[in-house]
Amino acid sequence: MKKSLKKILAFTMAAAMAAGLAACGSSASTSPSAGGAGSAPAVSDEPIKISMYYADNPTLPYMDSWLAVQETAKIAGVDLTVEAIPSTDYNTKVSLALNTGENCPDVILYQDTKGENSSLALNGAIVPISDYPEWTPNFNAMVEKLGLKDDVEELALKDGKRYFMPQLFDQPFYDGGLIMRQDYLEEKGFDAPKTFDDLYEILKAYKADHPDSYPLTTLVAPYVTYRMTMPSFGSASERAHPPARAR
């Protein structure tokens, strides 16, 4: 019972940071409190220890000192241990943990229940978060407010249960942008670009000065660049605005 409680609390932590999957659970019917399903969760003065997998990016390595991590853990009342795994090895590590049940964390970020995870969830390797709506009141309220109930329900597996927390958006959002080298702009006498034509001229000049370079690169993936550019042309990236996104 205590283990199940910890995993559901872990979910509230994951939901505050990013979409996540509750890992290595086999007690889907276990109530999160001694009072049974729907009862008020038991409250403890001691932080609950939670472990979590995080896909690490070498360009921006994970640090325990990040304010968002510290404050979220404080608000959620948890003692968080993050295992930062190189992004290139992340899916392999996740698959191994879920299939073997060894060294499996309470929460795995950036996962949904497509493919292999669907079978693992249906076989009891993952906790169904939808069994514990009393632990996700803010999420539930936002689903209702944004009118996304049907979208979220579509994320359930054939057993009618949902095993991960999606990200919710009621309208397109754009969380990517350009970071430009001011020293180069000043050296070449360029102003900050105001149009894509301005940007093109800067990139073309940089390529001429540094033929072996890639003047425009992206930290995560091309869809971040699409989010920034496509609305300017009357369109939007598919990744920019699904109502209940599985990540």
C-alpha atoms as a PDB file:
ATOM      1  CA  MET A   1       0.000   0.000   0.000  1.00  0.00           C
ATOM      2  CA  LYS A   2       2.774   2.420   0.890  1.00  0.00           C
ATOM      3  CA  LYS A   3       4.530   1.654  -2.405  1.00  0.00           C
ATOM      4  CA  SER A   4       1.385   2.405  -4.381  1.00  0.00           C
ATOM      5  CA  LEU A   5       0.878   5.653  -2.462  1.00  0.00           C
ATOM      6  CA  LYS A   6       4.423   6.690  -3.266  1.00  0.00           C
ATOM      7  CA  LYS A   7       3.939   6.092  -6.968  1.00  0.00           C
ATOM      8  CA  ILE A   8       0.765   8.175  -7.105  1.00  0.00           C
ATOM      9  CA  LEU A   9       2.467  11.028  -5.263  1.00  0.00           C
ATOM     10  CA  ALA A  10       5.301  10.657  -7.722  1.00  0.00           C
ATOM     11  CA  PHE A  11       2.808  11.244 -10.474  1.00  0.00           C
ATOM     12  CA  THR A  12       1.848  14.634  -9.073  1.00  0.00           C
ATOM     13  CA  MET A  13       5.532  15.533  -9.154  1.00  0.00           C
ATOM     14  CA  ALA A  14       5.922  14.347 -12.730  1.00  0.00           C
ATOM     15  CA  ALA A  15       2.828  16.195 -13.888  1.00  0.00           C
ATOM     16  CA  ALA A  16       4.280  19.439 -12.582  1.00  0.00           C
ATOM     17  CA  MET A  17       7.484  18.942 -14.560  1.00  0.00           C
ATOM     18  CA  ALA A  18       6.535  17.104 -17.761  1.00  0.00           C
ATOM     19  CA  ALA A  19       4.440  14.279 -19.087  1.00  0.00           C
ATOM     20  CA  GLY A  20       5.321  11.104 -17.232  1.00  0.00           C
ATOM     21  CA  LEU A  21       4.659   7.422 -16.809  1.00  0.00           C
ATOM     22  CA  ALA A  22       4.181   5.676 -13.473  1.00  0.00           C
ATOM     23  CA  ALA A  23       6.610   2.809 -13.473  1.00  0.00           C
ATOM     24  CA  CYS A  24       6.876  -0.727 -12.159  1.00  0.00           C
ATOM     25  CA  GLY A  25       3.530  -1.044 -10.455  1.00  0.00           C
ATOM     26  CA  SER A  26       1.578  -4.205  -9.852  1.00  0.00           C
ATOM     27  CA  SER A  27      -1.004  -2.948  -7.398  1.00  0.00           C
ATOM     28  CA  ALA A  28      -3.466  -1.113  -9.606  1.00  0.00           C
ATOM     29  CA  SER A  29      -6.337  -1.967  -7.292  1.00  0.00           C
ATOM     30  CA  THR A  30      -4.553  -0.831  -4.154  1.00  0.00           C
ATOM     31  CA  SER A  31      -6.113   2.198  -2.548  1.00  0.00           C
ATOM     32  CA  PRO A  32      -3.843   5.237  -2.020  1.00  0.00           C
ATOM     33  CA  SER A  33      -5.024   5.493   1.564  1.00  0.00           C
ATOM     34  CA  ALA A  34      -6.095   3.208   4.336  1.00  0.00           C
ATOM     35  CA  GLY A  35      -9.627   4.506   3.964  1.00  0.00           C
ATOM     36  CA  GLY A  36     -10.097   2.987   0.509  1.00  0.00           C
ATOM     37  CA  ALA A  37     -10.512   4.452  -2.957  1.00  0.00           C
ATOM     38  CA  GLY A  38     -11.754   8.014  -2.930  1.00  0.00           C
ATOM     39  CA  SER A  39     -10.694   8.639   0.670  1.00  0.00           C
ATOM     40  CA  ALA A  40      -8.588  11.633   1.567  1.00  0.00           C
ATOM     41  CA  PRO A  41      -4.890  10.795   1.105  1.00  0.00           C
ATOM     42  CA  ALA A  42      -2.875  10.220   4.233  1.00  0.00           C
ATOM     43  CA  VAL A  43      -0.643  13.186   5.068  1.00  0.00           C
ATOM     44  CA  SER A  44       2.873  12.834   6.429  1.00  0.00           C
ATOM     45  CA  ASP A  45       5.237  15.475   7.772  1.00  0.00           C
ATOM     46  CA  GLU A  46       8.173  13.571   6.288  1.00  0.00           C
ATOM     47  CA  PRO A  47       9.048  14.067   2.585  1.00  0.00           C
ATOM     48  CA  ILE A  48       8.272  10.975   0.540  1.00  0.00           C
ATOM     49  CA  LYS A  49      11.258   9.615  -1.368  1.00  0.00           C
ATOM     50  CA  ILE A  50      10.667   9.456  -5.118  1.00  0.00           C
ATOM     51  CA  SER A  51      13.027   8.260  -7.834  1.00  0.00           C
ATOM     52  CA  MET A  52      12.736   9.414 -11.429  1.00  0.00           C
ATOM     53  CA  TYR A  53      14.312   8.808 -14.839  1.00  0.00           C
ATOM     54  CA  TYR A  54      15.239  11.901 -16.839  1.00  0.00           C
ATOM     55  CA  ALA A  55      16.472  12.001 -20.455  1.00  0.00           C
ATOM     56  CA  ASP A  56      19.595  14.146 -20.299  1.00  0.00           C
ATOM     57  CA  ASN A  57      20.722  16.444 -23.079  1.00  0.00           C
ATOM     58  CA  PRO A  58      24.497  17.014 -23.276  1.00  0.00           C
ATOM     59  CA  THR A  59      23.892  20.582 -24.454  1.00  0.00           C
ATOM     60  CA  LEU A  60      22.014  21.395 -21.248  1.00  0.00           C
ATOM     61  CA  PRO A  61      22.939  18.749 -18.637  1.00  0.00           C
ATOM     62  CA  TYR A  62      20.560  18.119 -15.745  1.00  0.00           C
ATOM     63  CA  MET A  63      21.446  19.802 -12.448  1.00  0.00           C
ATOM     64  CA  ASP A  64      19.889  19.243  -9.033  1.00  0.00           C
ATOM     65  CA  SER A  65      20.317  22.968  -8.430  1.00  0.00           C
ATOM     66  CA  TRP A  66      17.673  23.944 -11.011  1.00  0.00           C
ATOM     67  CA  LEU A  67      15.174  26.168  -9.218  1.00  0.00           C
ATOM     68  CA  ALA A  68      12.199  24.503 -10.928  1.00  0.00           C
ATOM     69  CA  VAL A  69      13.271  21.120  -9.567  1.00  0.00           C
ATOM     70  CA  GLN A  70      13.894  22.390  -6.050  1.00  0.00           C
ATOM     71  CA  GLU A  71      10.657  24.364  -5.795  1.00  0.00           C
ATOM     72  CA  THR A  72       8.499  21.629  -7.325  1.00  0.00           C
ATOM     73  CA  ALA A  73       9.911  19.087  -4.888  1.00  0.00           C
ATOM     74  CA  LYS A  74       9.273  21.483  -2.007  1.00  0.00           C
ATOM     75  CA  ILE A  75       5.675  22.155  -3.063  1.00  0.00           C
ATOM     76  CA  ALA A  76       4.979  18.446  -3.603  1.00  0.00           C
ATOM     77  CA  GLY A  77       6.665  17.487  -0.317  1.00  0.00           C
ATOM     78  CA  VAL A  78       9.032  14.952  -1.823  1.00  0.00           C
ATOM     79  CA  ASP A  79      12.671  13.983  -1.556  1.00  0.00           C
ATOM     80  CA  LEU A  80      13.459  13.600  -5.252  1.00  0.00           C
ATOM     81  CA  THR A  81      16.266  11.482  -6.674  1.00  0.00           C
ATOM     82  CA  VAL A  82      16.781  11.965 -10.398  1.00  0.00           C
ATOM     83  CA  GLU A  83      18.781   9.560 -12.528  1.00  0.00           C
ATOM     84  CA  ALA A  84      19.891  11.573 -15.548  1.00  0.00           C
ATOM     85  CA  ILE A  85      20.364   9.195 -18.481  1.00  0.00           C
ATOM     86  CA  PRO A  86      21.946  10.271 -21.791  1.00  0.00           C
ATOM     87  CA  SER A  87      19.094  10.853 -24.240  1.00  0.00           C
ATOM     88  CA  THR A  88      20.665   8.452 -26.754  1.00  0.00           C
ATOM     89  CA  ASP A  89      20.440   5.602 -24.217  1.00  0.00           C
ATOM     90  CA  TYR A  90      17.182   6.622 -22.581  1.00  0.00           C
ATOM     91  CA  ASN A  91      14.667   4.407 -24.374  1.00  0.00           C
ATOM     92  CA  THR A  92      16.889   1.357 -23.991  1.00  0.00           C
ATOM     93  CA  LYS A  93      17.255   1.969 -20.253  1.00  0.00           C
ATOM     94  CA  VAL A  94      13.509   2.521 -19.852  1.00  0.00           C
ATOM     95  CA  SER A  95      12.642  -0.651 -21.757  1.00  0.00           C
ATOM     96  CA  LEU A  96      15.063  -2.722 -19.695  1.00  0.00           C
ATOM     97  CA  ALA A  97      13.735  -1.365 -16.401  1.00  0.00           C
ATOM     98  CA  LEU A  98      10.084  -1.936 -17.293  1.00  0.00           C
ATOM     99  CA  ASN A  99      10.642  -5.401 -18.713  1.00  0.00           C
ATOM    100  CA  THR A 100      12.772  -6.699 -15.850  1.00  0.00           C
ATOM    101  CA  GLY A 101      11.367  -4.674 -12.963  1.00  0.00           C
ATOM    102  CA  GLU A 102      14.932  -4.189 -11.710  1.00  0.00           C
ATOM    103  CA  ASN A 103      16.164  -0.772 -10.589  1.00  0.00           C
ATOM    104  CA  CYS A 104      12.888   0.664 -11.819  1.00  0.00           C
ATOM    105  CA  PRO A 105      12.103   4.243 -10.693  1.00  0.00           C
ATOM    106  CA  ASP A 106       8.770   5.515  -9.447  1.00  0.00           C
ATOM    107  CA  VAL A 107       8.368   7.879 -12.399  1.00  0.00           C
ATOM    108  CA  ILE A 108       9.636   7.800 -15.977  1.00  0.00           C
ATOM    109  CA  LEU A 109       9.418  11.049 -17.904  1.00  0.00           C
ATOM    110  CA  TYR A 110       8.748  11.521 -21.620  1.00  0.00           C
ATOM    111  CA  GLN A 111       6.811   8.295 -22.079  1.00  0.00           C
ATOM    112  CA  ASP A 112       3.320   7.279 -23.120  1.00  0.00           C
ATOM    113  CA  THR A 113       1.618   3.921 -23.610  1.00  0.00           C
ATOM    114  CA  LYS A 114       2.184   3.347 -27.279  1.00  0.00           C
ATOM    115  CA  GLY A 115       3.929   0.232 -28.584  1.00  0.00           C
ATOM    116  CA  GLU A 116       5.811  -1.803 -26.010  1.00  0.00           C
ATOM    117  CA  ASN A 117       4.568   0.243 -23.068  1.00  0.00           C
ATOM    118  CA  SER A 118       0.976  -0.653 -23.906  1.00  0.00           C
ATOM    119  CA  SER A 119       1.627  -4.367 -23.358  1.00  0.00           C
ATOM    120  CA  LEU A 120       3.640  -3.672 -20.219  1.00  0.00           C
ATOM    121  CA  ALA A 121       0.843  -1.545 -18.780  1.00  0.00           C
ATOM    122  CA  LEU A 122      -1.833  -4.156 -19.494  1.00  0.00           C
ATOM    123  CA  ASN A 123       0.374  -6.798 -17.884  1.00  0.00           C
ATOM    124  CA  GLY A 124       0.662  -4.825 -14.639  1.00  0.00           C
ATOM    125  CA  ALA A 125       4.123  -3.320 -15.017  1.00  0.00           C
ATOM    126  CA  ILE A 126       2.802   0.266 -14.871  1.00  0.00           C
ATOM    127  CA  VAL A 127       0.433   1.897 -12.389  1.00  0.00           C
ATOM    128  CA  PRO A 128      -2.869   3.156 -13.932  1.00  0.00           C
ATOM    129  CA  ILE A 129      -3.029   6.778 -12.831  1.00  0.00           C
ATOM    130  CA  SER A 130      -6.699   6.965 -13.858  1.00  0.00           C
ATOM    131  CA  ASP A 131      -7.535   4.704 -10.891  1.00  0.00           C
ATOM    132  CA  TYR A 132      -6.594   7.554  -8.544  1.00  0.00           C
ATOM    133  CA  PRO A 133      -8.405  10.723  -9.699  1.00  0.00           C
ATOM    134  CA  GLU A 134      -8.358  12.062  -6.136  1.00  0.00           C
ATOM    135  CA  TRP A 135      -4.596  12.491  -6.516  1.00  0.00           C
ATOM    136  CA  THR A 136      -4.833  14.647  -9.653  1.00  0.00           C
ATOM    137  CA  PRO A 137      -7.440  17.319  -8.790  1.00  0.00           C
ATOM    138  CA  ASN A 138      -5.692  20.148 -10.666  1.00  0.00           C
ATOM    139  CA  PHE A 139      -5.299  18.024 -13.774  1.00  0.00           C
ATOM    140  CA  ASN A 140      -8.947  16.941 -13.602  1.00  0.00           C
ATOM    141  CA  ALA A 141     -10.125  20.537 -13.208  1.00  0.00           C
ATOM    142  CA  MET A 142      -8.059  21.713 -16.169  1.00  0.00           C
ATOM    143  CA  VAL A 143      -9.391  18.904 -18.360  1.00  0.00           C
ATOM    144  CA  GLU A 144     -12.928  20.069 -17.558  1.00  0.00           C
ATOM    145  CA  LYS A 145     -12.108  23.756 -18.009  1.00  0.00           C
ATOM    146  CA  LEU A 146     -10.513  23.235 -21.421  1.00  0.00           C
ATOM    147  CA  GLY A 147     -13.161  20.794 -22.600  1.00  0.00           C
ATOM    148  CA  LEU A 148     -10.623  18.035 -23.178  1.00  0.00           C
ATOM    149  CA  LYS A 149     -12.404  15.165 -21.432  1.00  0.00           C
ATOM    150  CA  ASP A 150     -12.963  13.219 -24.657  1.00  0.00           C
ATOM    151  CA  ASP A 151      -9.369  13.791 -25.790  1.00  0.00           C
ATOM    152  CA  VAL A 152      -7.969  12.498 -22.508  1.00  0.00           C
ATOM    153  CA  GLU A 153     -10.285   9.487 -22.498  1.00  0.00           C
ATOM    154  CA  GLU A 154      -8.948   8.524 -25.921  1.00  0.00           C
ATOM    155  CA  LEU A 155      -5.571   7.924 -24.264  1.00  0.00           C
ATOM    156  CA  ALA A 156      -6.950   4.982 -22.248  1.00  0.00           C
ATOM    157  CA  LEU A 157      -5.937   1.457 -23.205  1.00  0.00           C
ATOM    158  CA  LYS A 158      -8.374  -1.346 -23.985  1.00  0.00           C
ATOM    159  CA  ASP A 159      -8.905  -1.949 -20.268  1.00  0.00           C
ATOM    160  CA  GLY A 160     -10.369   1.573 -20.064  1.00  0.00           C
ATOM    161  CA  LYS A 161      -7.489   2.876 -17.918  1.00  0.00           C
ATOM    162  CA  ARG A 162      -4.892   5.562 -18.520  1.00  0.00           C
ATOM    163  CA  TYR A 163      -1.303   5.010 -17.427  1.00  0.00           C
ATOM    164  CA  PHE A 164       0.377   8.341 -18.055  1.00  0.00           C
ATOM    165  CA  MET A 165      -0.177  12.074 -17.616  1.00  0.00           C
ATOM    166  CA  PRO A 166      -0.484  13.969 -20.912  1.00  0.00           C
ATOM    167  CA  GLN A 167       0.312  17.613 -21.374  1.00  0.00           C
ATOM    168  CA  LEU A 168      -2.781  19.767 -21.902  1.00  0.00           C
ATOM    169  CA  PHE A 169      -3.109  22.707 -24.275  1.00  0.00           C
ATOM    170  CA  ASP A 170      -6.263  24.572 -25.255  1.00  0.00           C
ATOM    171  CA  GLN A 171      -4.543  26.555 -28.014  1.00  0.00           C
ATOM    172  CA  PRO A 172      -1.259  26.572 -29.964  1.00  0.00           C
ATOM    173  CA  PHE A 173       1.807  27.438 -27.958  1.00  0.00           C
ATOM    174  CA  TYR A 174       5.298  28.340 -29.087  1.00  0.00           C
ATOM    175  CA  ASP A 175       8.060  27.599 -26.648  1.00  0.00           C
ATOM    176  CA  GLY A 176      10.991  27.805 -29.039  1.00  0.00           C
ATOM    177  CA  GLY A 177      12.928  30.747 -30.353  1.00  0.00           C
ATOM    178  CA  LEU A 178      16.247  31.899 -31.725  1.00  0.00           C
ATOM    179  CA  ILE A 179      19.359  32.430 -29.662  1.00  0.00           C
ATOM    180  CA  MET A 180      21.765  34.497 -31.733  1.00  0.00           C
ATOM    181  CA  ARG A 181      25.391  35.485 -31.289  1.00  0.00           C
ATOM    182  CA  GLN A 182      25.361  39.181 -30.552  1.00  0.00           C
ATOM    183  CA  ASP A 183      29.115  39.428 -31.006  1.00  0.00           C
ATOM    184  CA  TYR A 184      28.771  38.264 -34.614  1.00  0.00           C
ATOM    185  CA  LEU A 185      25.919  40.682 -35.333  1.00  0.00           C
ATOM    186  CA  GLU A 186      27.968  43.568 -33.956  1.00  0.00           C
ATOM    187  CA  GLU A 187      31.103  42.450 -35.814  1.00  0.00           C
ATOM    188  CA  LYS A 188      29.256  42.358 -39.146  1.00  0.00           C
ATOM    189  CA  GLY A 189      27.098  45.417 -38.513  1.00  0.00           C
ATOM    190  CA  PHE A 190      23.797  43.518 -38.499  1.00  0.00           C
ATOM    191  CA  ASP A 191      20.764  44.608 -36.519  1.00  0.00           C
ATOM    192  CA  ALA A 192      18.684  41.992 -34.738  1.00  0.00           C
ATOM    193  CA  PRO A 193      16.534  40.338 -37.449  1.00  0.00           C
ATOM    194  CA  LYS A 194      12.937  41.514 -37.716  1.00  0.00           C
ATOM    195  CA  THR A 195      11.929  39.357 -40.684  1.00  0.00           C
ATOM    196  CA  PHE A 196      12.886  35.974 -42.090  1.00  0.00           C
ATOM    197  CA  ASP A 197      14.647  37.803 -44.924  1.00  0.00           C
ATOM    198  CA  ASP A 198      16.823  39.536 -42.304  1.00  0.00           C
ATOM    199  CA  LEU A 199      17.568  36.173 -40.719  1.00  0.00           C
ATOM    200  CA  TYR A 200      18.436  34.663 -44.075  1.00  0.00           C
ATOM    201  CA  GLU A 201      20.987  37.388 -44.786  1.00  0.00           C
ATOM    202  CA  ILE A 202      22.657  36.852 -41.408  1.00  0.00           C
ATOM    203  CA  LEU A 203      22.798  33.073 -41.841  1.00  0.00           C
ATOM    204  CA  LYS A 204      24.145  33.432 -45.381  1.00  0.00           C
ATOM    205  CA  ALA A 205      26.906  35.766 -44.171  1.00  0.00           C
ATOM    206  CA  TYR A 206      27.839  33.418 -41.347  1.00  0.00           C
ATOM    207  CA  LYS A 207      28.061  30.484 -43.761  1.00  0.00           C
ATOM    208  CA  ALA A 208      30.307  32.514 -46.037  1.00  0.00           C
ATOM    209  CA  ASP A 209      32.607  33.346 -43.125  1.00  0.00           C
ATOM    210  CA  HIS A 210      32.538  29.793 -41.731  1.00  0.00           C
ATOM    211  CA  PRO A 211      31.983  27.351 -44.635  1.00  0.00           C
ATOM    212  CA  ASP A 212      32.180  24.232 -42.428  1.00  0.00           C
ATOM    213  CA  SER A 213      29.554  25.484 -39.988  1.00  0.00           C
ATOM    214  CA  TYR A 214      25.812  24.980 -39.631  1.00  0.00           C
ATOM    215  CA  PRO A 215      24.533  28.544 -39.188  1.00  0.00           C
ATOM    216  CA  LEU A 216      21.127  27.406 -37.884  1.00  0.00           C
ATOM    217  CA  THR A 217      20.879  24.413 -35.554  1.00  0.00           C
ATOM    218  CA  THR A 218      18.317  23.180 -33.051  1.00  0.00           C
ATOM    219  CA  LEU A 219      18.769  21.964 -29.482  1.00  0.00           C
ATOM    220  CA  VAL A 220      15.964  19.391 -29.458  1.00  0.00           C
ATOM    221  CA  ALA A 221      14.439  18.607 -32.842  1.00  0.00           C
ATOM    222  CA  PRO A 222      13.197  20.380 -35.991  1.00  0.00           C
ATOM    223  CA  TYR A 223       9.642  20.622 -34.646  1.00  0.00           C
ATOM    224  CA  VAL A 224      10.822  23.336 -32.239  1.00  0.00           C
ATOM    225  CA  THR A 225      11.938  25.426 -35.207  1.00  0.00           C
ATOM    226  CA  TYR A 226       8.623  24.694 -36.947  1.00  0.00           C
ATOM    227  CA  ARG A 227       6.732  26.008 -33.928  1.00  0.00           C
ATOM    228  CA  MET A 228       8.533  29.311 -34.272  1.00  0.00           C
ATOM    229  CA  THR A 229       8.404  29.707 -38.060  1.00  0.00           C
ATOM    230  CA  MET A 230       5.219  28.076 -39.364  1.00  0.00           C
ATOM    231  CA  PRO A 231       2.694  30.469 -37.741  1.00  0.00           C
ATOM    232  CA  SER A 232       4.350  33.291 -39.700  1.00  0.00           C
ATOM    233  CA  PHE A 233       3.190  31.564 -42.868  1.00  0.00           C
ATOM    234  CA  GLY A 234      -0.383  30.917 -41.708  1.00  0.00           C
ATOM    235  CA  SER A 235       0.233  27.370 -40.531  1.00  0.00           C
ATOM    236  CA  ALA A 236       1.310  25.588 -37.370  1.00  0.00           C
ATOM    237  CA  SER A 237       3.428  22.606 -36.511  1.00  0.00           C
ATOM    238  CA  GLU A 238       1.414  19.506 -35.619  1.00  0.00           C
ATOM    239  CA  ARG A 239       3.476  19.215 -32.470  1.00  0.00           C
ATOM    240  CA  ALA A 240       2.509  22.761 -31.496  1.00  0.00           C
ATOM    241  CA  HIS A 241      -1.101  22.294 -30.583  1.00  0.00           C
ATOM    242  CA  PRO A 242      -2.554  18.829 -29.967  1.00  0.00           C
ATOM    243  CA  PRO A 243      -5.150  19.260 -27.188  1.00  0.00           C
ATOM    244  CA  ALA A 244      -3.942  16.408 -24.993  1.00  0.00           C
ATOM    245  CA  ARG A 245      -0.454  15.507 -26.036  1.00  0.00           C
ATOM    246  CA  ALA A 246       1.164  12.193 -25.287  1.00  0.00           C
ATOM    247  CA  ARG A 247       4.819  12.646 -24.594  1.00  0.00           C
END
